[in-house]
Amino acid sequence: MRVRCAPEALQDREDVWAYIAEDNPLAAAHMDELFSEAAERLTSYAHFGRTGKIPGTRELIAHENYRLIYEIADEVWVLALVHAARLWPPVQK
């Protein structure tokens, strides 16, 4: 199954990279590789992640501090990359 990333998920990934790379570019590269590996697993095992907190989504732990939020349709859509300390799902106003 093909895995695609929503623009918000790509921005999350860039934000994580930039934040970590300020102190440790090698750690940022390693974390980014973990995110790539997690997304790659979804090509063969889309239902690998647990049921998400938002109906219709699933969550895959990419690292102990980060999870990929995704949905499965004709393709797997990664919707967000969320840090464990971040409120998820976001509060609706």
PDB file of N, CA and C in Angstrom:
ATOM      1  N   MET A   1       0.854  -1.173   0.000  1.00  0.00           N
ATOM      2  CA  MET A   1       0.000   0.000   0.000  1.00  0.00           C
ATOM      3  C   MET A   1       0.902   1.239   0.000  1.00  0.00           C
ATOM      4  N   ARG A   2       0.485   2.227  -0.708  1.00  0.00           N
ATOM      5  CA  ARG A   2       1.263   3.469  -0.797  1.00  0.00           C
ATOM      6  C   ARG A   2       1.022   4.332   0.442  1.00  0.00           C
ATOM      7  N   VAL A   3       2.087   4.970   0.912  1.00  0.00           N
ATOM      8  CA  VAL A   3       2.007   5.876   2.062  1.00  0.00           C
ATOM      9  C   VAL A   3       2.269   7.293   1.576  1.00  0.00           C
ATOM     10  N   ARG A   4       1.355   8.192   1.923  1.00  0.00           N
ATOM     11  CA  ARG A   4       1.502   9.599   1.566  1.00  0.00           C
ATOM     12  C   ARG A   4       1.418  10.430   2.834  1.00  0.00           C
ATOM     13  N   CYS A   5       2.023  11.594   2.810  1.00  0.00           N
ATOM     14  CA  CYS A   5       2.017  12.485   3.976  1.00  0.00           C
ATOM     15  C   CYS A   5       1.250  13.757   3.667  1.00  0.00           C
ATOM     16  N   ALA A   6       0.366  14.110   4.580  1.00  0.00           N
ATOM     17  CA  ALA A   6      -0.339  15.382   4.478  1.00  0.00           C
ATOM     18  C   ALA A   6       0.659  16.513   4.706  1.00  0.00           C
ATOM     19  N   PRO A   7       0.400  17.690   4.154  1.00  0.00           N
ATOM     20  CA  PRO A   7       1.310  18.817   4.359  1.00  0.00           C
ATOM     21  C   PRO A   7       1.581  19.102   5.843  1.00  0.00           C
ATOM     22  N   GLU A   8       0.578  18.920   6.690  1.00  0.00           N
ATOM     23  CA  GLU A   8       0.762  19.152   8.124  1.00  0.00           C
ATOM     24  C   GLU A   8       1.769  18.170   8.726  1.00  0.00           C
ATOM     25  N   ALA A   9       1.729  16.925   8.268  1.00  0.00           N
ATOM     26  CA  ALA A   9       2.677  15.924   8.759  1.00  0.00           C
ATOM     27  C   ALA A   9       4.097  16.253   8.295  1.00  0.00           C
ATOM     28  N   LEU A  10       4.220  16.713   7.058  1.00  0.00           N
ATOM     29  CA  LEU A  10       5.543  17.110   6.561  1.00  0.00           C
ATOM     30  C   LEU A  10       6.087  18.294   7.361  1.00  0.00           C
ATOM     31  N   GLN A  11       5.209  19.231   7.693  1.00  0.00           N
ATOM     32  CA  GLN A  11       5.638  20.374   8.504  1.00  0.00           C
ATOM     33  C   GLN A  11       6.040  19.924   9.908  1.00  0.00           C
ATOM     34  N   ASP A  12       5.288  18.992  10.488  1.00  0.00           N
ATOM     35  CA  ASP A  12       5.652  18.451  11.803  1.00  0.00           C
ATOM     36  C   ASP A  12       7.050  17.848  11.747  1.00  0.00           C
ATOM     37  N   ARG A  13       7.303  17.073  10.705  1.00  0.00           N
ATOM     38  CA  ARG A  13       8.606  16.421  10.559  1.00  0.00           C
ATOM     39  C   ARG A  13       9.731  17.446  10.426  1.00  0.00           C
ATOM     40  N   GLU A  14       9.507  18.475   9.629  1.00  0.00           N
ATOM     41  CA  GLU A  14      10.510  19.534   9.478  1.00  0.00           C
ATOM     42  C   GLU A  14      10.747  20.254  10.804  1.00  0.00           C
ATOM     43  N   ASP A  15       9.677  20.489  11.556  1.00  0.00           N
ATOM     44  CA  ASP A  15       9.803  21.165  12.848  1.00  0.00           C
ATOM     45  C   ASP A  15      10.618  20.334  13.837  1.00  0.00           C
ATOM     46  N   VAL A  16      10.372  19.026  13.861  1.00  0.00           N
ATOM     47  CA  VAL A  16      11.132  18.137  14.745  1.00  0.00           C
ATOM     48  C   VAL A  16      12.605  18.162  14.346  1.00  0.00           C
ATOM     49  N   TRP A  17      12.849  18.043  13.044  1.00  0.00           N
ATOM     50  CA  TRP A  17      14.228  18.066  12.548  1.00  0.00           C
ATOM     51  C   TRP A  17      14.935  19.343  13.004  1.00  0.00           C
ATOM     52  N   ALA A  18      14.312  20.476  12.755  1.00  0.00           N
ATOM     53  CA  ALA A  18      14.939  21.768  13.081  1.00  0.00           C
ATOM     54  C   ALA A  18      15.198  21.902  14.576  1.00  0.00           C
ATOM     55  N   TYR A  19      14.249  21.482  15.387  1.00  0.00           N
ATOM     56  CA  TYR A  19      14.392  21.595  16.835  1.00  0.00           C
ATOM     57  C   TYR A  19      15.558  20.746  17.345  1.00  0.00           C
ATOM     58  N   ILE A  20      15.624  19.496  16.909  1.00  0.00           N
ATOM     59  CA  ILE A  20      16.690  18.603  17.374  1.00  0.00           C
ATOM     60  C   ILE A  20      18.038  19.002  16.792  1.00  0.00           C
ATOM     61  N   ALA A  21      18.044  19.409  15.528  1.00  0.00           N
ATOM     62  CA  ALA A  21      19.297  19.740  14.846  1.00  0.00           C
ATOM     63  C   ALA A  21      19.991  20.959  15.448  1.00  0.00           C
ATOM     64  N   GLU A  22      19.244  21.812  16.130  1.00  0.00           N
ATOM     65  CA  GLU A  22      19.886  22.962  16.789  1.00  0.00           C
ATOM     66  C   GLU A  22      20.988  22.508  17.736  1.00  0.00           C
ATOM     67  N   ASP A  23      20.744  21.422  18.445  1.00  0.00           N
ATOM     68  CA  ASP A  23      21.716  20.912  19.414  1.00  0.00           C
ATOM     69  C   ASP A  23      22.529  19.734  18.901  1.00  0.00           C
ATOM     70  N   ASN A  24      21.912  18.924  18.013  1.00  0.00           N
ATOM     71  CA  ASN A  24      22.589  17.699  17.613  1.00  0.00           C
ATOM     72  C   ASN A  24      22.101  17.250  16.234  1.00  0.00           C
ATOM     73  N   PRO A  25      22.791  17.680  15.176  1.00  0.00           N
ATOM     74  CA  PRO A  25      22.370  17.302  13.820  1.00  0.00           C
ATOM     75  C   PRO A  25      22.350  15.794  13.580  1.00  0.00           C
ATOM     76  N   LEU A  26      23.270  15.058  14.193  1.00  0.00           N
ATOM     77  CA  LEU A  26      23.277  13.604  14.016  1.00  0.00           C
ATOM     78  C   LEU A  26      22.043  12.968  14.641  1.00  0.00           C
ATOM     79  N   ALA A  27      21.639  13.450  15.798  1.00  0.00           N
ATOM     80  CA  ALA A  27      20.426  12.939  16.441  1.00  0.00           C
ATOM     81  C   ALA A  27      19.202  13.271  15.597  1.00  0.00           C
ATOM     82  N   ALA A  28      19.190  14.442  14.993  1.00  0.00           N
ATOM     83  CA  ALA A  28      18.073  14.826  14.118  1.00  0.00           C
ATOM     84  C   ALA A  28      17.991  13.885  12.925  1.00  0.00           C
ATOM     85  N   ALA A  29      19.133  13.555  12.340  1.00  0.00           N
ATOM     86  CA  ALA A  29      19.158  12.634  11.210  1.00  0.00           C
ATOM     87  C   ALA A  29      18.675  11.246  11.635  1.00  0.00           C
ATOM     88  N   HIS A  30      19.098  10.805  12.806  1.00  0.00           N
ATOM     89  CA  HIS A  30      18.663   9.496  13.309  1.00  0.00           C
ATOM     90  C   HIS A  30      17.152   9.481  13.534  1.00  0.00           C
ATOM     91  N   MET A  31      16.623  10.522  14.143  1.00  0.00           N
ATOM     92  CA  MET A  31      15.184  10.593  14.399  1.00  0.00           C
ATOM     93  C   MET A  31      14.420  10.595  13.085  1.00  0.00           C
ATOM     94  N   ASP A  32      14.894  11.346  12.115  1.00  0.00           N
ATOM     95  CA  ASP A  32      14.234  11.392  10.821  1.00  0.00           C
ATOM     96  C   ASP A  32      14.229  10.015  10.160  1.00  0.00           C
ATOM     97  N   GLU A  33      15.309   9.272  10.334  1.00  0.00           N
ATOM     98  CA  GLU A  33      15.380   7.912   9.801  1.00  0.00           C
ATOM     99  C   GLU A  33      14.348   7.014  10.474  1.00  0.00           C
ATOM    100  N   LEU A  34      14.162   7.169  11.780  1.00  0.00           N
ATOM    101  CA  LEU A  34      13.136   6.394  12.483  1.00  0.00           C
ATOM    102  C   LEU A  34      11.747   6.694  11.936  1.00  0.00           C
ATOM    103  N   PHE A  35      11.483   7.959  11.638  1.00  0.00           N
ATOM    104  CA  PHE A  35      10.191   8.330  11.065  1.00  0.00           C
ATOM    105  C   PHE A  35      10.015   7.681   9.687  1.00  0.00           C
ATOM    106  N   SER A  36      11.072   7.687   8.887  1.00  0.00           N
ATOM    107  CA  SER A  36      11.006   7.055   7.560  1.00  0.00           C
ATOM    108  C   SER A  36      10.751   5.558   7.675  1.00  0.00           C
ATOM    109  N   GLU A  37      11.429   4.910   8.609  1.00  0.00           N
ATOM    110  CA  GLU A  37      11.252   3.465   8.801  1.00  0.00           C
ATOM    111  C   GLU A  37       9.838   3.134   9.258  1.00  0.00           C
ATOM    112  N   ALA A  38       9.288   3.955  10.145  1.00  0.00           N
ATOM    113  CA  ALA A  38       7.918   3.727  10.616  1.00  0.00           C
ATOM    114  C   ALA A  38       6.933   3.846   9.454  1.00  0.00           C
ATOM    115  N   ALA A  39       7.086   4.881   8.644  1.00  0.00           N
ATOM    116  CA  ALA A  39       6.202   5.066   7.491  1.00  0.00           C
ATOM    117  C   ALA A  39       6.370   3.922   6.499  1.00  0.00           C
ATOM    118  N   GLU A  40       7.580   3.467   6.318  1.00  0.00           N
ATOM    119  CA  GLU A  40       7.843   2.357   5.394  1.00  0.00           C
ATOM    120  C   GLU A  40       7.145   1.074   5.859  1.00  0.00           C
ATOM    121  N   ARG A  41       7.125   0.815   7.175  1.00  0.00           N
ATOM    122  CA  ARG A  41       6.423  -0.362   7.703  1.00  0.00           C
ATOM    123  C   ARG A  41       4.944  -0.343   7.321  1.00  0.00           C
ATOM    124  N   LEU A  42       4.378   0.847   7.243  1.00  0.00           N
ATOM    125  CA  LEU A  42       2.956   0.957   6.930  1.00  0.00           C
ATOM    126  C   LEU A  42       2.631   0.533   5.501  1.00  0.00           C
ATOM    127  N   THR A  43       3.622   0.504   4.614  1.00  0.00           N
ATOM    128  CA  THR A  43       3.366   0.065   3.245  1.00  0.00           C
ATOM    129  C   THR A  43       2.929  -1.398   3.212  1.00  0.00           C
ATOM    130  N   SER A  44       3.447  -2.197   4.137  1.00  0.00           N
ATOM    131  CA  SER A  44       3.099  -3.620   4.190  1.00  0.00           C
ATOM    132  C   SER A  44       2.136  -3.961   5.316  1.00  0.00           C
ATOM    133  N   TYR A  45       2.167  -3.171   6.378  1.00  0.00           N
ATOM    134  CA  TYR A  45       1.372  -3.472   7.568  1.00  0.00           C
ATOM    135  C   TYR A  45       0.602  -2.234   8.021  1.00  0.00           C
ATOM    136  N   ALA A  46      -0.348  -1.812   7.217  1.00  0.00           N
ATOM    137  CA  ALA A  46      -1.071  -0.567   7.486  1.00  0.00           C
ATOM    138  C   ALA A  46      -1.836  -0.615   8.811  1.00  0.00           C
ATOM    139  N   HIS A  47      -2.280  -1.782   9.226  1.00  0.00           N
ATOM    140  CA  HIS A  47      -3.044  -1.898  10.475  1.00  0.00           C
ATOM    141  C   HIS A  47      -2.156  -2.173  11.684  1.00  0.00           C
ATOM    142  N   PHE A  48      -0.852  -2.013  11.517  1.00  0.00           N
ATOM    143  CA  PHE A  48       0.110  -2.301  12.585  1.00  0.00           C
ATOM    144  C   PHE A  48      -0.096  -1.400  13.801  1.00  0.00           C
ATOM    145  N   GLY A  49      -0.410  -0.144  13.584  1.00  0.00           N
ATOM    146  CA  GLY A  49      -0.604   0.803  14.682  1.00  0.00           C
ATOM    147  C   GLY A  49      -1.903   0.541  15.431  1.00  0.00           C
ATOM    148  N   ARG A  50      -2.002   1.113  16.605  1.00  0.00           N
ATOM    149  CA  ARG A  50      -3.215   0.953  17.413  1.00  0.00           C
ATOM    150  C   ARG A  50      -4.306   1.903  16.916  1.00  0.00           C
ATOM    151  N   THR A  51      -5.527   1.624  17.330  1.00  0.00           N
ATOM    152  CA  THR A  51      -6.647   2.498  17.014  1.00  0.00           C
ATOM    153  C   THR A  51      -6.372   3.878  17.589  1.00  0.00           C
ATOM    154  N   GLY A  52      -6.613   4.914  16.802  1.00  0.00           N
ATOM    155  CA  GLY A  52      -6.320   6.281  17.217  1.00  0.00           C
ATOM    156  C   GLY A  52      -7.385   6.876  18.125  1.00  0.00           C
ATOM    157  N   LYS A  53      -7.031   7.993  18.734  1.00  0.00           N
ATOM    158  CA  LYS A  53      -7.955   8.713  19.611  1.00  0.00           C
ATOM    159  C   LYS A  53      -9.025   9.453  18.820  1.00  0.00           C
ATOM    160  N   ILE A  54      -8.732   9.743  17.565  1.00  0.00           N
ATOM    161  CA  ILE A  54      -9.708  10.364  16.671  1.00  0.00           C
ATOM    162  C   ILE A  54     -10.305   9.244  15.814  1.00  0.00           C
ATOM    163  N   PRO A  55     -11.646   9.137  15.778  1.00  0.00           N
ATOM    164  CA  PRO A  55     -12.259   8.064  14.988  1.00  0.00           C
ATOM    165  C   PRO A  55     -11.728   8.030  13.547  1.00  0.00           C
ATOM    166  N   GLY A  56     -11.453   6.818  13.079  1.00  0.00           N
ATOM    167  CA  GLY A  56     -10.966   6.629  11.715  1.00  0.00           C
ATOM    168  C   GLY A  56      -9.461   6.721  11.574  1.00  0.00           C
ATOM    169  N   THR A  57      -8.749   7.011  12.677  1.00  0.00           N
ATOM    170  CA  THR A  57      -7.292   7.112  12.606  1.00  0.00           C
ATOM    171  C   THR A  57      -6.644   5.950  13.344  1.00  0.00           C
ATOM    172  N   ARG A  58      -5.368   5.807  13.082  1.00  0.00           N
ATOM    173  CA  ARG A  58      -4.523   4.848  13.789  1.00  0.00           C
ATOM    174  C   ARG A  58      -3.271   5.595  14.223  1.00  0.00           C
ATOM    175  N   GLU A  59      -2.548   5.045  15.199  1.00  0.00           N
ATOM    176  CA  GLU A  59      -1.345   5.673  15.729  1.00  0.00           C
ATOM    177  C   GLU A  59      -0.228   4.636  15.802  1.00  0.00           C
ATOM    178  N   LEU A  60       0.914   4.998  15.245  1.00  0.00           N
ATOM    179  CA  LEU A  60       2.078   4.125  15.256  1.00  0.00           C
ATOM    180  C   LEU A  60       3.200   4.828  16.004  1.00  0.00           C
ATOM    181  N   ILE A  61       3.756   4.155  16.996  1.00  0.00           N
ATOM    182  CA  ILE A  61       4.862   4.715  17.755  1.00  0.00           C
ATOM    183  C   ILE A  61       6.127   4.601  16.896  1.00  0.00           C
ATOM    184  N   ALA A  62       6.657   5.751  16.495  1.00  0.00           N
ATOM    185  CA  ALA A  62       7.875   5.789  15.682  1.00  0.00           C
ATOM    186  C   ALA A  62       9.116   5.858  16.566  1.00  0.00           C
ATOM    187  N   HIS A  63       8.942   6.401  17.763  1.00  0.00           N
ATOM    188  CA  HIS A  63       9.989   6.575  18.773  1.00  0.00           C
ATOM    189  C   HIS A  63       9.243   6.733  20.079  1.00  0.00           C
ATOM    190  N   GLU A  64       9.869   6.455  21.185  1.00  0.00           N
ATOM    191  CA  GLU A  64       9.153   6.528  22.466  1.00  0.00           C
ATOM    192  C   GLU A  64       8.511   7.893  22.711  1.00  0.00           C
ATOM    193  N   ASN A  65       9.015   8.930  22.062  1.00  0.00           N
ATOM    194  CA  ASN A  65       8.456  10.269  22.243  1.00  0.00           C
ATOM    195  C   ASN A  65       7.610  10.765  21.076  1.00  0.00           C
ATOM    196  N   TYR A  66       7.503   9.991  20.014  1.00  0.00           N
ATOM    197  CA  TYR A  66       6.777  10.446  18.829  1.00  0.00           C
ATOM    198  C   TYR A  66       5.895   9.344  18.263  1.00  0.00           C
ATOM    199  N   ARG A  67       4.732   9.752  17.775  1.00  0.00           N
ATOM    200  CA  ARG A  67       3.832   8.814  17.114  1.00  0.00           C
ATOM    201  C   ARG A  67       3.322   9.418  15.811  1.00  0.00           C
ATOM    202  N   LEU A  68       3.146   8.541  14.844  1.00  0.00           N
ATOM    203  CA  LEU A  68       2.557   8.932  13.567  1.00  0.00           C
ATOM    204  C   LEU A  68       1.052   8.721  13.666  1.00  0.00           C
ATOM    205  N   ILE A  69       0.301   9.734  13.318  1.00  0.00           N
ATOM    206  CA  ILE A  69      -1.150   9.634  13.261  1.00  0.00           C
ATOM    207  C   ILE A  69      -1.499   9.450  11.792  1.00  0.00           C
ATOM    208  N   TYR A  70      -2.261   8.411  11.489  1.00  0.00           N
ATOM    209  CA  TYR A  70      -2.564   8.145  10.085  1.00  0.00           C
ATOM    210  C   TYR A  70      -3.954   7.557   9.927  1.00  0.00           C
ATOM    211  N   GLU A  71      -4.410   7.576   8.678  1.00  0.00           N
ATOM    212  CA  GLU A  71      -5.673   6.939   8.332  1.00  0.00           C
ATOM    213  C   GLU A  71      -5.451   6.061   7.115  1.00  0.00           C
ATOM    214  N   ILE A  72      -6.302   5.062   6.997  1.00  0.00           N
ATOM    215  CA  ILE A  72      -6.189   4.124   5.888  1.00  0.00           C
ATOM    216  C   ILE A  72      -7.394   4.307   4.979  1.00  0.00           C
ATOM    217  N   ALA A  73      -7.125   4.562   3.724  1.00  0.00           N
ATOM    218  CA  ALA A  73      -8.166   4.624   2.693  1.00  0.00           C
ATOM    219  C   ALA A  73      -7.640   3.760   1.549  1.00  0.00           C
ATOM    220  N   ASP A  74      -7.669   4.262   0.346  1.00  0.00           N
ATOM    221  CA  ASP A  74      -7.028   3.548  -0.768  1.00  0.00           C
ATOM    222  C   ASP A  74      -5.516   3.564  -0.579  1.00  0.00           C
ATOM    223  N   GLU A  75      -5.058   4.554   0.160  1.00  0.00           N
ATOM    224  CA  GLU A  75      -3.646   4.711   0.516  1.00  0.00           C
ATOM    225  C   GLU A  75      -3.586   4.992   2.019  1.00  0.00           C
ATOM    226  N   VAL A  76      -2.398   4.901   2.571  1.00  0.00           N
ATOM    227  CA  VAL A  76      -2.195   5.318   3.955  1.00  0.00           C
ATOM    228  C   VAL A  76      -1.825   6.793   3.931  1.00  0.00           C
ATOM    229  N   TRP A  77      -2.547   7.587   4.709  1.00  0.00           N
ATOM    230  CA  TRP A  77      -2.263   9.022   4.794  1.00  0.00           C
ATOM    231  C   TRP A  77      -1.749   9.339   6.187  1.00  0.00           C
ATOM    232  N   VAL A  78      -0.476   9.739   6.268  1.00  0.00           N
ATOM    233  CA  VAL A  78       0.069  10.205   7.541  1.00  0.00           C
ATOM    234  C   VAL A  78      -0.432  11.633   7.724  1.00  0.00           C
ATOM    235  N   LEU A  79      -1.142  11.840   8.810  1.00  0.00           N
ATOM    236  CA  LEU A  79      -1.795  13.130   9.055  1.00  0.00           C
ATOM    237  C   LEU A  79      -0.984  14.046   9.950  1.00  0.00           C
ATOM    238  N   ALA A  80      -0.249  13.458  10.898  1.00  0.00           N
ATOM    239  CA  ALA A  80       0.501  14.265  11.856  1.00  0.00           C
ATOM    240  C   ALA A  80       1.605  13.426  12.477  1.00  0.00           C
ATOM    241  N   LEU A  81       2.609  14.111  12.960  1.00  0.00           N
ATOM    242  CA  LEU A  81       3.681  13.533  13.756  1.00  0.00           C
ATOM    243  C   LEU A  81       3.599  14.254  15.098  1.00  0.00           C
ATOM    244  N   VAL A  82       3.281  13.513  16.150  1.00  0.00           N
ATOM    245  CA  VAL A  82       2.944  14.131  17.425  1.00  0.00           C
ATOM    246  C   VAL A  82       3.930  13.723  18.509  1.00  0.00           C
ATOM    247  N   HIS A  83       4.451  14.715  19.237  1.00  0.00           N
ATOM    248  CA  HIS A  83       5.300  14.447  20.394  1.00  0.00           C
ATOM    249  C   HIS A  83       4.422  13.983  21.545  1.00  0.00           C
ATOM    250  N   ALA A  84       4.924  13.076  22.348  1.00  0.00           N
ATOM    251  CA  ALA A  84       4.155  12.511  23.455  1.00  0.00           C
ATOM    252  C   ALA A  84       3.672  13.573  24.442  1.00  0.00           C
ATOM    253  N   ALA A  85       4.403  14.666  24.583  1.00  0.00           N
ATOM    254  CA  ALA A  85       4.015  15.716  25.531  1.00  0.00           C
ATOM    255  C   ALA A  85       2.944  16.651  24.956  1.00  0.00           C
ATOM    256  N   ARG A  86       2.698  16.547  23.668  1.00  0.00           N
ATOM    257  CA  ARG A  86       1.728  17.435  23.015  1.00  0.00           C
ATOM    258  C   ARG A  86       0.312  16.917  23.220  1.00  0.00           C
ATOM    259  N   LEU A  87      -0.600  17.805  23.474  1.00  0.00           N
ATOM    260  CA  LEU A  87      -1.997  17.445  23.635  1.00  0.00           C
ATOM    261  C   LEU A  87      -2.527  16.873  22.328  1.00  0.00           C
ATOM    262  N   TRP A  88      -3.018  15.642  22.395  1.00  0.00           N
ATOM    263  CA  TRP A  88      -3.574  15.012  21.211  1.00  0.00           C
ATOM    264  C   TRP A  88      -4.792  14.224  21.617  1.00  0.00           C
ATOM    265  N   PRO A  89      -5.893  14.357  20.955  1.00  0.00           N
ATOM    266  CA  PRO A  89      -6.108  15.234  19.807  1.00  0.00           C
ATOM    267  C   PRO A  89      -6.180  16.691  20.239  1.00  0.00           C
ATOM    268  N   PRO A  90      -5.961  17.584  19.292  1.00  0.00           N
ATOM    269  CA  PRO A  90      -6.013  19.009  19.624  1.00  0.00           C
ATOM    270  C   PRO A  90      -7.410  19.417  20.087  1.00  0.00           C
ATOM    271  N   VAL A  91      -7.468  20.378  20.946  1.00  0.00           N
ATOM    272  CA  VAL A  91      -8.741  20.869  21.475  1.00  0.00           C
ATOM    273  C   VAL A  91      -9.465  21.650  20.389  1.00  0.00           C
ATOM    274  N   GLN A  92     -10.717  21.319  20.180  1.00  0.00           N
ATOM    275  CA  GLN A  92     -11.545  22.059  19.212  1.00  0.00           C
ATOM    276  C   GLN A  92     -12.147  23.267  19.894  1.00  0.00           C
ATOM    277  N   LYS A  93     -12.047  24.423  19.269  1.00  0.00           N
ATOM    278  CA  LYS A  93     -12.623  25.656  19.849  1.00  0.00           C
ATOM    279  C   LYS A  93     -13.920  26.006  19.185  1.00  0.00           C
TER     280      LYS A  93
END
